[in-house]
Amino acid sequence: MVHAPLATLVNHQVRLAARPQGLPGPECWQFSESPVVEPAEGGVLVRTLALSLDPAMRGWMNEGKSYIPPVAIGEVMRAGGVGVIVASKHPGFEVGDHVSGGPGVQEYWLVAADQVKRSGLAKIDLRLGTLGQWLNVLGMPGMTGYFGLMDVGQPKAGETLVVSGAAGAVGQTVGQIARIKGCRVVGIAGGPAKCAWVVKELGFDACIDYKSGSVKDGLKQHCPEGVDIYFDNVGGEILDTVLTRINKRARIVICGAISQYNNTTPVQGPKNYLSLLVNRARMEGIVVFDYADRYHLAVAEMAGYLKDGRMKSREDVVEGGVAAFPGTLPKLFSGENFGKLVLQVAAA
């Protein structure tokens, strides 16, 4: 909690200084400071405790039309996070309430009255999960995995599901829910440690290490009867390879394409897309914000799984506050993070 008077506090922020060409480097970021001020009537002030670092952030930095407007040059970098209310003039929030929302990469988040609902600001119950879990299984990655699988993938007991980025935030959720729903689950991940973790700790049936072996051979071995659902987090060659193994009426969930995000050449589309025609299969994208009015239902279900031990949630927490953001974000694209990448901004 904040003990110092608000007027004595300084808000440290990270702003987008330039649009990246390839991997975002130090030249893309600008550090700024601003005074911390009291909220106006109907508003709140949030102290940021932790930020969610997600592959989608790379797309938000690009100019051009997408499902959400790009971050403007000079604007605080967009980021989801969790925090605590330190000042409130809103009847729905009290000082000390823990909340989630989109604070951006800054230490304090001033939410005006007309932005409270639009910003996604919501109370979180730490009895249901830790702050880290509210950025992972109970947060945006978990919601993405849940609705992408349940609404788009439509799993049925006995089917075979393959998920890429299996040890990442979305992948770990997708695989565990699919197992709970009775599917055979095969992950694709990078490195023996990640593959061992998803099999031994999360209960996947198998995991293919794309860094040390052939994904094609791994799919032949572990999916001898083909693939009914493919949850794609990486795009590129792995998507193409899985398309050669899909069954009739298969569902391909397009969640992300992390292998393509830092390309300086045009994004590589699927070469084997005619497999969709031959197999009467479906490929559909998932944008988590479309399901905002149903988040509470997924949170309730998955909090139950966390409580009874059927689901686990692994976070890779980096300390260092907002100053560490420029050096931490690239971990997502090197595969260096193990679990959901979280930047701790302040002590809880």
Protein backbone atom coordinates (compact mmCIF):
# COMPACT_ATOMS: atom_id res chain seq x y z
CA MET A 1 0.00 0.00 0.00
CA VAL A 2 1.05 3.62 -0.55
CA HIS A 3 1.91 5.48 2.61
CA ALA A 4 3.39 8.66 1.13
CA PRO A 5 1.06 11.54 0.17
CA LEU A 6 0.09 11.33 -3.51
CA ALA A 7 1.46 14.79 -4.20
CA THR A 8 4.98 13.60 -3.36
CA LEU A 9 4.91 10.63 -5.76
CA VAL A 10 6.26 10.44 -9.31
CA ASN A 11 4.85 8.17 -12.00
CA HIS A 12 7.54 6.51 -14.13
CA GLN A 13 6.35 5.47 -17.58
CA VAL A 14 7.61 3.74 -20.74
CA ARG A 15 6.37 5.25 -24.01
CA LEU A 16 6.60 4.05 -27.60
CA ALA A 17 9.22 6.22 -29.29
CA ALA A 18 9.48 4.51 -32.69
CA ARG A 19 7.84 1.66 -34.56
CA PRO A 20 10.14 -1.36 -34.65
CA GLN A 21 11.63 -2.94 -37.73
CA GLY A 22 11.98 -6.53 -36.60
CA LEU A 23 12.66 -7.16 -32.91
CA PRO A 24 11.92 -4.10 -30.73
CA GLY A 25 15.19 -2.53 -29.55
CA PRO A 26 16.09 0.23 -27.09
CA GLU A 27 15.43 2.87 -29.75
CA CYS A 28 11.72 2.02 -29.61
CA TRP A 29 11.30 3.25 -26.04
CA GLN A 30 11.28 6.54 -24.19
CA PHE A 31 11.19 6.91 -20.41
CA SER A 32 9.09 9.68 -18.91
CA GLU A 33 7.94 10.97 -15.54
CA SER A 34 4.74 12.70 -14.50
CA PRO A 35 3.26 13.76 -11.16
CA VAL A 36 0.76 11.49 -9.46
CA VAL A 37 -2.56 13.29 -9.05
CA GLU A 38 -5.85 12.62 -7.27
CA PRO A 39 -8.64 11.20 -9.42
CA ALA A 40 -11.54 13.44 -10.37
CA GLU A 41 -15.13 12.62 -9.37
CA GLY A 42 -16.03 9.10 -10.54
CA GLY A 43 -12.41 8.12 -11.20
CA VAL A 44 -9.79 5.99 -9.49
CA LEU A 45 -6.01 5.85 -9.11
CA VAL A 46 -4.34 2.44 -9.37
CA ARG A 47 -0.85 1.55 -8.24
CA THR A 48 0.50 -1.02 -10.71
CA LEU A 49 1.82 -4.17 -9.04
CA ALA A 50 2.58 -6.40 -12.04
CA LEU A 51 2.29 -6.30 -15.82
CA SER A 52 1.47 -9.01 -18.31
CA LEU A 53 3.98 -9.26 -21.17
CA ASP A 54 2.32 -10.87 -24.17
CA PRO A 55 3.25 -11.60 -27.81
CA ALA A 56 0.26 -9.48 -28.90
CA MET A 57 2.19 -6.40 -27.75
CA ARG A 58 4.41 -6.70 -30.81
CA GLY A 59 1.40 -6.33 -33.09
CA TRP A 60 0.10 -3.33 -31.13
CA MET A 61 3.34 -1.51 -31.98
CA ASN A 62 2.75 -1.72 -35.74
CA GLU A 63 1.01 0.94 -37.81
CA GLY A 64 -2.03 -0.31 -39.68
CA LYS A 65 -5.51 -1.71 -39.27
CA SER A 66 -6.00 -4.51 -36.76
CA TYR A 67 -8.52 -5.68 -34.16
CA ILE A 68 -7.35 -2.85 -31.90
CA PRO A 69 -5.80 0.55 -32.78
CA PRO A 70 -1.99 0.67 -32.69
CA VAL A 71 -0.19 2.31 -29.79
CA ALA A 72 0.53 5.87 -30.90
CA ILE A 73 4.04 7.24 -30.98
CA GLY A 74 4.62 9.01 -27.67
CA GLU A 75 1.85 7.05 -25.92
CA VAL A 76 2.40 4.92 -22.81
CA MET A 77 2.94 1.36 -24.04
CA ARG A 78 -0.24 -0.66 -23.78
CA ALA A 79 -0.15 -3.56 -21.30
CA GLY A 80 -2.52 -5.54 -19.15
CA GLY A 81 -1.80 -5.72 -15.47
CA VAL A 82 -2.93 -5.99 -11.89
CA GLY A 83 -2.77 -3.38 -9.19
CA VAL A 84 -4.30 -1.91 -6.08
CA ILE A 85 -6.61 1.09 -5.71
CA VAL A 86 -4.79 3.89 -3.84
CA ALA A 87 -7.40 6.63 -4.30
CA SER A 88 -11.04 6.37 -5.33
CA LYS A 89 -13.92 8.69 -6.07
CA HIS A 90 -15.93 5.89 -7.65
CA PRO A 91 -18.67 4.13 -5.66
CA GLY A 92 -17.69 0.73 -7.01
CA PHE A 93 -14.07 0.77 -5.87
CA GLU A 94 -12.47 1.26 -2.48
CA VAL A 95 -8.89 1.99 -1.47
CA GLY A 96 -7.18 -1.37 -1.04
CA ASP A 97 -9.21 -3.21 -3.69
CA HIS A 98 -7.09 -5.36 -5.99
CA VAL A 99 -7.97 -4.86 -9.65
CA SER A 100 -7.06 -5.95 -13.16
CA GLY A 101 -7.21 -3.93 -16.35
CA GLY A 102 -4.95 -2.16 -18.81
CA PRO A 103 -2.66 0.17 -16.89
CA GLY A 104 0.04 0.28 -19.52
CA VAL A 105 3.74 0.28 -18.71
CA GLN A 106 3.65 2.77 -15.86
CA GLU A 107 3.69 2.77 -12.07
CA TYR A 108 0.36 4.57 -11.54
CA TRP A 109 -2.78 4.44 -13.65
CA LEU A 110 -5.28 7.28 -13.42
CA VAL A 111 -8.68 6.12 -14.69
CA ALA A 112 -11.22 8.84 -15.42
CA ALA A 113 -14.93 8.31 -14.75
CA ASP A 114 -15.78 7.86 -18.42
CA GLN A 115 -12.96 5.31 -18.83
CA VAL A 116 -13.66 3.00 -15.89
CA LYS A 117 -15.95 0.66 -17.83
CA ARG A 118 -14.19 1.05 -21.18
CA SER A 119 -10.77 0.29 -19.68
CA GLY A 120 -11.80 -3.13 -18.42
CA LEU A 121 -11.05 -2.18 -14.82
CA ALA A 122 -12.39 -4.94 -12.60
CA LYS A 123 -11.96 -6.17 -9.05
CA ILE A 124 -10.07 -9.42 -8.60
CA ASP A 125 -10.44 -11.85 -5.74
CA LEU A 126 -7.08 -13.07 -4.44
CA ARG A 127 -8.87 -15.96 -2.75
CA LEU A 128 -9.36 -17.44 -6.24
CA GLY A 129 -5.76 -17.06 -7.35
CA THR A 130 -2.51 -15.20 -6.85
CA LEU A 131 -1.65 -11.94 -8.61
CA GLY A 132 0.43 -13.97 -11.06
CA GLN A 133 -2.45 -16.33 -11.76
CA TRP A 134 -4.72 -13.34 -12.42
CA LEU A 135 -2.31 -12.45 -15.24
CA ASN A 136 -2.15 -16.03 -16.47
CA VAL A 137 -4.87 -18.68 -16.15
CA LEU A 138 -7.39 -16.22 -14.70
CA GLY A 139 -6.26 -13.34 -16.93
CA MET A 140 -6.15 -12.52 -20.62
CA PRO A 141 -4.03 -15.56 -21.65
CA GLY A 142 -6.35 -17.90 -19.79
CA MET A 143 -9.42 -16.27 -21.28
CA THR A 144 -7.84 -16.56 -24.75
CA GLY A 145 -7.10 -20.22 -24.25
CA TYR A 146 -10.49 -21.02 -22.75
CA PHE A 147 -12.70 -19.33 -25.33
CA GLY A 148 -10.43 -20.18 -28.24
CA LEU A 149 -10.63 -23.84 -27.33
CA MET A 150 -14.22 -24.08 -26.14
CA ASP A 151 -15.94 -21.75 -28.63
CA VAL A 152 -13.77 -22.16 -31.72
CA GLY A 153 -12.09 -25.52 -31.15
CA GLN A 154 -15.23 -27.19 -29.76
CA PRO A 155 -13.44 -30.17 -28.17
CA LYS A 156 -15.08 -33.56 -27.84
CA ALA A 157 -13.91 -36.37 -25.59
CA GLY A 158 -11.60 -38.77 -27.41
CA GLU A 159 -10.36 -36.23 -29.97
CA THR A 160 -6.69 -35.39 -30.48
CA LEU A 161 -5.61 -31.81 -29.87
CA VAL A 162 -2.23 -30.32 -30.75
CA VAL A 163 -1.16 -26.98 -29.29
CA SER A 164 1.98 -25.05 -30.20
CA GLY A 165 3.69 -22.80 -27.70
CA ALA A 166 2.61 -25.47 -25.23
CA ALA A 167 4.63 -24.16 -22.28
CA GLY A 168 3.56 -20.56 -22.82
CA ALA A 169 0.73 -18.75 -21.12
CA VAL A 170 -2.02 -19.64 -23.59
CA GLY A 171 -0.67 -23.06 -24.49
CA GLN A 172 -0.52 -24.36 -20.93
CA THR A 173 -4.16 -23.37 -20.38
CA VAL A 174 -5.38 -24.87 -23.65
CA GLY A 175 -3.71 -28.22 -23.05
CA GLN A 176 -4.93 -28.57 -19.50
CA ILE A 177 -8.55 -27.70 -20.33
CA ALA A 178 -8.48 -30.11 -23.27
CA ARG A 179 -7.29 -32.89 -20.96
CA ILE A 180 -10.06 -32.08 -18.49
CA LYS A 181 -12.56 -32.29 -21.36
CA GLY A 182 -11.30 -35.75 -22.31
CA CYS A 183 -9.02 -35.03 -25.26
CA ARG A 184 -5.67 -36.58 -26.09
CA VAL A 185 -3.24 -33.65 -25.91
CA VAL A 186 0.06 -33.26 -27.75
CA GLY A 187 2.12 -30.13 -27.19
CA ILE A 188 4.82 -28.52 -29.31
CA ALA A 189 7.47 -26.59 -27.37
CA GLY A 190 11.11 -25.58 -27.54
CA GLY A 191 13.62 -27.52 -25.46
CA PRO A 192 13.59 -30.68 -23.32
CA ALA A 193 12.81 -28.84 -20.06
CA LYS A 194 9.60 -27.30 -21.41
CA CYS A 195 8.52 -30.55 -23.04
CA ALA A 196 9.15 -32.52 -19.84
CA TRP A 197 7.21 -29.96 -17.81
CA VAL A 198 4.05 -30.06 -19.91
CA VAL A 199 4.02 -33.86 -19.87
CA LYS A 200 5.04 -34.54 -16.26
CA GLU A 201 3.48 -31.53 -14.54
CA LEU A 202 0.54 -30.57 -16.74
CA GLY A 203 -0.46 -34.05 -17.84
CA PHE A 204 -0.10 -33.70 -21.62
CA ASP A 205 0.08 -37.08 -23.37
CA ALA A 206 3.18 -36.08 -25.34
CA CYS A 207 5.25 -33.09 -26.37
CA ILE A 208 7.29 -32.51 -29.51
CA ASP A 209 10.54 -30.54 -29.16
CA TYR A 210 10.72 -28.44 -32.32
CA LYS A 211 14.27 -27.35 -31.49
CA SER A 212 15.83 -30.79 -31.49
CA GLY A 213 13.67 -32.91 -33.72
CA SER A 214 11.29 -33.04 -36.65
CA VAL A 215 7.78 -31.77 -35.95
CA LYS A 216 6.57 -33.85 -38.88
CA ASP A 217 8.03 -37.04 -37.42
CA GLY A 218 6.74 -36.14 -33.95
CA LEU A 219 3.21 -35.73 -35.26
CA LYS A 220 3.40 -39.09 -37.04
CA GLN A 221 4.53 -40.73 -33.80
CA HIS A 222 2.18 -39.04 -31.35
CA CYS A 223 -0.86 -38.40 -33.56
CA PRO A 224 -1.10 -41.67 -35.53
CA GLU A 225 -4.82 -41.14 -36.11
CA GLY A 226 -4.43 -37.50 -37.13
CA VAL A 227 -5.27 -34.16 -35.54
CA ASP A 228 -8.83 -33.05 -34.76
CA ILE A 229 -8.03 -29.65 -33.21
CA TYR A 230 -4.92 -27.56 -33.70
CA PHE A 231 -4.51 -24.51 -31.48
CA ASP A 232 -1.91 -22.35 -33.24
CA ASN A 233 0.21 -19.86 -31.36
CA VAL A 234 3.21 -19.76 -33.69
CA GLY A 235 2.23 -19.83 -37.37
CA GLY A 236 4.88 -20.38 -40.04
CA GLU A 237 6.32 -23.80 -40.79
CA ILE A 238 4.76 -25.51 -37.79
CA LEU A 239 1.26 -24.50 -38.92
CA ASP A 240 2.05 -25.82 -42.40
CA THR A 241 3.27 -29.12 -40.99
CA VAL A 242 0.21 -29.66 -38.80
CA LEU A 243 -2.08 -28.94 -41.75
CA THR A 244 -0.72 -32.08 -43.43
CA ARG A 245 -1.98 -34.20 -40.50
CA ILE A 246 -5.51 -32.88 -39.90
CA ASN A 247 -8.59 -35.08 -39.92
CA LYS A 248 -11.90 -34.54 -41.63
CA ARG A 249 -13.87 -31.68 -39.98
CA ALA A 250 -10.80 -30.57 -38.05
CA ARG A 251 -10.79 -27.15 -36.36
CA ILE A 252 -7.71 -24.92 -36.54
CA VAL A 253 -7.75 -22.11 -33.98
CA ILE A 254 -5.58 -19.16 -35.05
CA CYS A 255 -4.54 -17.43 -31.85
CA GLY A 256 -1.14 -16.03 -32.81
CA ALA A 257 1.88 -16.34 -35.05
CA ILE A 258 4.85 -15.51 -32.87
CA SER A 259 7.27 -16.93 -35.44
CA GLN A 260 6.21 -14.16 -37.83
CA TYR A 261 5.83 -11.09 -35.60
CA ASN A 262 9.34 -9.70 -36.05
CA ASN A 263 9.66 -10.47 -39.75
CA THR A 264 11.01 -7.68 -41.92
CA THR A 265 9.58 -9.51 -44.95
CA PRO A 266 5.87 -10.23 -45.54
CA VAL A 267 4.20 -12.67 -43.15
CA GLN A 268 4.35 -16.24 -44.39
CA GLY A 269 0.87 -17.58 -44.95
CA PRO A 270 -0.10 -21.27 -44.91
CA LYS A 271 1.17 -23.14 -47.97
CA ASN A 272 -0.87 -26.25 -47.18
CA TYR A 273 -4.21 -24.51 -46.83
CA LEU A 274 -5.83 -26.79 -49.43
CA SER A 275 -5.84 -29.42 -46.71
CA LEU A 276 -8.75 -27.42 -45.30
CA LEU A 277 -10.68 -28.07 -48.51
CA VAL A 278 -9.81 -31.75 -48.77
CA ASN A 279 -10.74 -32.38 -45.14
CA ARG A 280 -13.72 -29.98 -44.98
CA ALA A 281 -11.86 -28.38 -42.09
CA ARG A 282 -12.25 -24.92 -40.57
CA MET A 283 -9.68 -22.29 -39.64
CA GLU A 284 -10.87 -19.43 -37.43
CA GLY A 285 -9.23 -16.63 -35.49
CA ILE A 286 -9.70 -15.83 -31.81
CA VAL A 287 -9.55 -12.32 -30.32
CA VAL A 288 -10.13 -12.50 -26.60
CA PHE A 289 -11.83 -9.10 -26.26
CA ASP A 290 -14.85 -10.51 -28.11
CA TYR A 291 -15.67 -12.57 -25.03
CA ALA A 292 -15.33 -9.89 -22.35
CA ASP A 293 -18.92 -10.23 -21.17
CA ARG A 294 -18.29 -13.93 -20.42
CA TYR A 295 -14.90 -13.71 -18.68
CA HIS A 296 -16.51 -14.23 -15.30
CA LEU A 297 -17.82 -17.63 -16.37
CA ALA A 298 -14.39 -18.84 -17.46
CA VAL A 299 -12.77 -17.43 -14.32
CA ALA A 300 -15.22 -19.30 -12.11
CA GLU A 301 -14.64 -22.59 -13.94
CA MET A 302 -10.85 -22.38 -14.02
CA ALA A 303 -10.54 -21.10 -10.45
CA GLY A 304 -12.29 -24.33 -9.52
CA TYR A 305 -9.71 -26.33 -11.46
CA LEU A 306 -6.87 -24.47 -9.73
CA LYS A 307 -8.41 -25.14 -6.34
CA ASP A 308 -8.95 -28.86 -6.88
CA GLY A 309 -5.53 -29.34 -8.45
CA ARG A 310 -6.67 -30.24 -11.96
CA MET A 311 -4.98 -27.14 -13.37
CA LYS A 312 -1.59 -25.58 -12.71
CA SER A 313 -0.37 -22.09 -13.51
CA ARG A 314 3.30 -21.27 -14.07
CA GLU A 315 4.59 -17.69 -14.21
CA ASP A 316 8.06 -16.44 -15.13
CA VAL A 317 8.32 -13.31 -12.97
CA VAL A 318 10.97 -10.69 -13.75
CA GLU A 319 11.75 -8.00 -11.20
CA GLY A 320 13.05 -4.52 -11.93
CA GLY A 321 9.95 -2.38 -12.38
CA VAL A 322 9.01 -0.50 -15.54
CA ALA A 323 12.70 0.27 -16.23
CA ALA A 324 13.18 -3.44 -16.96
CA PHE A 325 10.43 -3.55 -19.61
CA PRO A 326 12.53 -2.87 -22.75
CA GLY A 327 14.97 -5.62 -21.86
CA THR A 328 12.33 -8.11 -20.77
CA LEU A 329 9.88 -7.98 -23.68
CA PRO A 330 12.28 -9.67 -26.19
CA LYS A 331 12.33 -12.80 -24.00
CA LEU A 332 8.94 -13.65 -25.50
CA PHE A 333 10.39 -13.94 -28.99
CA SER A 334 13.55 -15.86 -28.09
CA GLY A 335 11.59 -18.44 -26.12
CA GLU A 336 13.66 -17.54 -23.07
CA ASN A 337 10.66 -17.26 -20.76
CA PHE A 338 9.31 -20.43 -19.15
CA GLY A 339 5.63 -19.94 -18.42
CA LYS A 340 3.64 -16.70 -18.43
CA LEU A 341 6.01 -13.73 -18.59
CA VAL A 342 5.22 -11.24 -15.81
CA LEU A 343 7.02 -8.00 -14.96
CA GLN A 344 6.82 -7.12 -11.28
CA VAL A 345 6.43 -3.37 -10.89
CA ALA A 346 5.94 -3.03 -7.14
CA ALA A 347 5.69 -5.21 -4.07
CA ALA A 348 2.18 -6.40 -3.31
